[in-house]
Amino acid sequence: MDFPPHPPLDFSLFGLDGWSGAQWVGFFEGEVGQPVWSVTLDHHRQDSALVLVKTAPRERWDRLMAGEEPGAADFASDLVRVLLDMARPEFEESERDRYNRSIWPFSRAQGGQWQSWEPAQWTVDGNPFPARLWRFAHAWTGLTLGAPEHYVGVTAFDVDGTGVDLIVASGAEYGFDFSVPFSIHGLQAQVPERPDTSDIFRSKSRHLDHDRVLASAGPLES
């Protein structure tokens, strides 16, 4: 089934300044046929580093996604949820079910405390702004409110440093035309040229971290 495409992008996207590896449009979210409410740009190097930069217009995110929750907390919760889902190890069926049940409640609890996350310093178009980070397994995720009218989140796998230099991204840098309607076909057209990053998500996940998520689901039902 073909769904109507989304309108062309109507807000600025942020990517990594001076990135030397592959980069592409990883994902976008939005109601069918309506303007998207977030776009994620992916960055990969041959040393296995993977960095995802997610941008969302604050007013639209708050209106469509956050509901009664504070917008920044909801955005932070979504960053945690994505990290947990991407970094999951292989589970037995019973553990997998518990993990799936606990991901969102655990993410909401962590995201609601984003202002007490580890402090970091990022730049946005060369200007320094504070950020907050949350660590899990071999990855970390965080956000800054330094980009006017945007939420910007960064999720990094196999990256030790926490300093991030963000800059307004152009479609040409990511092999995507932001001036035409967004559709799943645009993403699919990029797939053959993308590096395979599947091993990065799972190969170094430390099970102890995942036990924290499983514990939040409560005891295994008999």
Protein backbone atom coordinates (compact mmCIF):
# COMPACT_ATOMS: atom_id res chain seq x y z
CA MET A 1 0.00 0.00 0.00
CA ASP A 2 1.32 3.43 -0.96
CA PHE A 3 0.72 6.16 1.61
CA PRO A 4 0.56 9.84 0.69
CA PRO A 5 3.99 11.47 1.17
CA HIS A 6 4.72 14.09 3.78
CA PRO A 7 5.16 17.70 2.65
CA PRO A 8 8.71 18.98 2.11
CA LEU A 9 10.71 19.70 5.23
CA ASP A 10 9.67 22.99 6.86
CA PHE A 11 12.21 23.25 9.72
CA SER A 12 16.00 23.22 9.99
CA LEU A 13 17.85 19.98 10.66
CA PHE A 14 21.07 19.70 12.64
CA GLY A 15 23.94 17.35 11.88
CA LEU A 16 27.56 16.94 12.97
CA ASP A 17 30.01 19.62 11.89
CA GLY A 18 33.09 18.27 10.10
CA TRP A 19 32.07 14.59 10.13
CA SER A 20 34.52 12.54 8.06
CA GLY A 21 32.51 9.33 7.56
CA ALA A 22 29.27 8.27 5.93
CA GLN A 23 26.09 10.24 6.68
CA TRP A 24 22.49 9.79 5.60
CA VAL A 25 18.85 10.39 6.60
CA GLY A 26 18.14 7.57 9.02
CA PHE A 27 14.51 8.07 9.96
CA PHE A 28 11.64 10.53 10.09
CA GLU A 29 8.32 10.59 11.94
CA GLY A 30 4.98 12.15 11.12
CA GLU A 31 1.31 11.52 10.46
CA VAL A 32 0.55 10.26 6.97
CA GLY A 33 0.40 13.15 4.53
CA GLN A 34 1.18 15.72 7.26
CA PRO A 35 4.40 17.64 8.03
CA VAL A 36 6.94 15.43 9.82
CA TRP A 37 7.58 16.06 13.51
CA SER A 38 11.16 14.75 13.66
CA VAL A 39 14.03 13.71 11.42
CA THR A 40 17.11 11.70 12.45
CA LEU A 41 20.42 12.04 10.60
CA ASP A 42 22.87 9.14 10.94
CA HIS A 43 26.68 9.40 10.96
CA HIS A 44 29.05 6.41 10.77
CA ARG A 45 32.82 5.88 10.73
CA GLN A 46 34.82 2.77 9.95
CA ASP A 47 36.03 2.63 13.56
CA SER A 48 32.43 1.59 14.37
CA ALA A 49 31.39 4.96 15.79
CA LEU A 50 27.73 5.70 15.08
CA VAL A 51 26.04 9.00 15.95
CA LEU A 52 22.36 9.80 15.46
CA VAL A 53 21.19 13.43 15.53
CA LYS A 54 17.46 13.92 15.94
CA THR A 55 15.77 17.30 15.33
CA ALA A 56 12.17 18.21 16.12
CA PRO A 57 10.36 21.57 15.99
CA ARG A 58 9.37 22.26 19.60
CA GLU A 59 5.87 23.61 19.01
CA ARG A 60 4.88 20.69 16.78
CA TRP A 61 6.46 18.08 19.06
CA ASP A 62 4.77 19.55 22.13
CA ARG A 63 1.39 19.67 20.39
CA LEU A 64 1.43 16.24 18.75
CA MET A 65 3.67 14.13 20.95
CA ALA A 66 4.04 15.47 24.46
CA GLY A 67 0.39 15.84 25.46
CA GLU A 68 0.29 16.69 29.17
CA GLU A 69 3.98 15.92 29.65
CA PRO A 70 6.60 18.69 29.42
CA GLY A 71 7.91 18.68 25.85
CA ALA A 72 11.62 18.39 26.70
CA ALA A 73 10.95 15.49 29.08
CA ASP A 74 8.90 13.69 26.45
CA PHE A 75 11.63 14.24 23.84
CA ALA A 76 14.27 12.95 26.29
CA SER A 77 12.12 9.90 27.04
CA ASP A 78 11.90 9.14 23.34
CA LEU A 79 15.70 9.34 23.02
CA VAL A 80 16.07 6.83 25.86
CA ARG A 81 13.46 4.54 24.33
CA VAL A 82 15.24 4.47 20.98
CA LEU A 83 18.61 3.77 22.61
CA LEU A 84 17.17 0.89 24.67
CA ASP A 85 15.54 -0.63 21.63
CA MET A 86 18.63 -0.32 19.44
CA ALA A 87 21.10 -1.62 22.05
CA ARG A 88 19.13 -4.68 23.13
CA PRO A 89 20.98 -8.02 23.33
CA GLU A 90 19.48 -11.38 22.40
CA PHE A 91 16.98 -12.49 25.04
CA GLU A 92 15.13 -15.67 25.81
CA GLU A 93 11.42 -15.30 25.02
CA SER A 94 10.33 -14.62 28.61
CA GLU A 95 13.00 -11.94 29.11
CA ARG A 96 12.27 -10.40 25.72
CA ASP A 97 8.59 -9.99 26.61
CA ARG A 98 9.47 -8.38 29.96
CA TYR A 99 12.00 -6.10 28.27
CA ASN A 100 9.45 -4.99 25.67
CA ARG A 101 6.92 -4.23 28.40
CA SER A 102 9.37 -2.23 30.45
CA ILE A 103 11.04 -0.10 27.75
CA TRP A 104 8.51 2.72 27.68
CA PRO A 105 7.84 3.02 31.46
CA PHE A 106 11.59 2.91 32.11
CA SER A 107 12.20 5.51 29.39
CA ARG A 108 9.54 7.83 30.80
CA ALA A 109 11.07 7.59 34.26
CA GLN A 110 14.58 8.37 32.98
CA GLY A 111 13.47 11.10 30.56
CA GLY A 112 11.47 12.83 33.27
CA GLN A 113 14.75 13.42 35.10
CA TRP A 114 16.66 14.78 32.08
CA GLN A 115 17.61 18.00 33.85
CA SER A 116 19.64 15.96 36.35
CA TRP A 117 21.46 13.94 33.68
CA GLU A 118 25.22 14.26 33.29
CA PRO A 119 26.16 17.78 32.11
CA ALA A 120 27.98 18.29 28.81
CA GLN A 121 28.93 21.17 26.55
CA TRP A 122 27.90 21.21 22.89
CA THR A 123 28.04 23.88 20.22
CA VAL A 124 25.24 24.88 17.85
CA ASP A 125 26.49 26.78 14.80
CA GLY A 126 29.66 27.56 16.74
CA ASN A 127 27.91 28.87 19.86
CA PRO A 128 28.36 26.93 23.12
CA PHE A 129 25.27 25.56 24.85
CA PRO A 130 24.74 23.17 27.77
CA ALA A 131 23.51 19.66 27.13
CA ARG A 132 22.49 16.71 29.31
CA LEU A 133 23.54 13.08 28.78
CA TRP A 134 22.26 9.67 29.87
CA ARG A 135 24.55 6.61 29.56
CA PHE A 136 23.59 3.02 28.84
CA ALA A 137 25.70 0.01 27.81
CA HIS A 138 28.27 1.21 25.24
CA ALA A 139 26.22 4.25 24.28
CA TRP A 140 24.91 7.56 25.52
CA THR A 141 22.08 9.86 24.53
CA GLY A 142 21.38 13.48 25.34
CA LEU A 143 19.71 16.69 24.32
CA THR A 144 20.20 20.42 24.17
CA LEU A 145 17.77 23.32 24.01
CA GLY A 146 20.47 25.48 22.41
CA ALA A 147 18.87 25.50 18.95
CA PRO A 148 16.06 28.09 18.97
CA GLU A 149 12.60 26.56 18.49
CA HIS A 150 14.04 23.03 18.18
CA TYR A 151 14.70 20.01 20.33
CA VAL A 152 17.99 18.43 19.27
CA GLY A 153 19.04 15.01 20.57
CA VAL A 154 22.22 13.05 19.97
CA THR A 155 22.65 9.30 20.50
CA ALA A 156 26.20 7.93 20.19
CA PHE A 157 27.49 4.35 20.05
CA ASP A 158 31.19 3.63 20.62
CA VAL A 159 31.99 7.33 21.10
CA ASP A 160 33.97 8.22 24.21
CA GLY A 161 33.87 12.00 24.05
CA THR A 162 30.69 13.87 24.88
CA GLY A 163 31.42 17.16 23.15
CA VAL A 164 29.24 17.59 20.06
CA ASP A 165 29.49 20.27 17.38
CA LEU A 166 26.17 20.74 15.63
CA ILE A 167 25.48 22.70 12.47
CA VAL A 168 22.46 23.25 10.23
CA ALA A 169 22.51 20.41 7.70
CA SER A 170 21.79 20.54 3.99
CA GLY A 171 20.11 17.72 2.11
CA ALA A 172 23.00 17.43 -0.32
CA GLU A 173 25.33 16.44 2.54
CA TYR A 174 23.02 13.53 3.38
CA GLY A 175 22.02 12.42 -0.11
CA PHE A 176 18.46 13.68 0.33
CA ASP A 177 16.48 16.49 -1.27
CA PHE A 178 14.72 18.36 1.55
CA SER A 179 12.77 20.48 -0.95
CA VAL A 180 10.61 17.60 -2.20
CA PRO A 181 7.94 15.60 -0.33
CA PHE A 182 9.25 13.15 2.27
CA SER A 183 8.32 9.51 1.69
CA ILE A 184 9.44 6.05 2.70
CA HIS A 185 10.60 5.56 -0.87
CA GLY A 186 13.20 8.29 -0.35
CA LEU A 187 14.64 6.36 2.59
CA GLN A 188 14.54 3.06 0.75
CA ALA A 189 16.47 4.56 -2.16
CA GLN A 190 19.37 5.20 0.23
CA VAL A 191 19.52 1.68 1.68
CA PRO A 192 21.95 0.11 -0.84
CA GLU A 193 24.48 2.87 -0.14
CA ARG A 194 24.29 2.75 3.66
CA PRO A 195 26.92 0.93 5.73
CA ASP A 196 25.71 -2.05 7.76
CA THR A 197 25.51 -0.83 11.36
CA SER A 198 23.52 -3.71 12.87
CA ASP A 199 26.48 -5.15 14.81
CA ILE A 200 27.19 -1.83 16.51
CA PHE A 201 23.88 -1.89 18.34
CA ARG A 202 24.22 -5.31 19.92
CA SER A 203 27.78 -6.59 19.91
CA LYS A 204 29.03 -4.67 22.95
CA SER A 205 25.86 -4.31 25.01
CA ARG A 206 26.57 -5.05 28.66
CA HIS A 207 23.84 -7.25 30.05
CA LEU A 208 24.06 -5.65 33.49
CA ASP A 209 22.64 -2.43 32.02
CA HIS A 210 19.75 -4.32 30.48
CA ASP A 211 19.05 -5.93 33.85
CA ARG A 212 18.18 -2.42 35.07
CA VAL A 213 15.39 -2.28 32.48
CA LEU A 214 14.19 -5.81 33.19
CA ALA A 215 14.04 -5.08 36.91
CA SER A 216 11.70 -2.16 36.27
CA ALA A 217 9.16 -4.61 34.78
CA GLY A 218 8.81 -6.41 38.12
CA PRO A 219 9.06 -10.17 38.75
CA LEU A 220 8.49 -12.68 35.99
CA GLU A 221 4.89 -13.87 35.96
CA SER A 222 4.44 -17.57 36.58
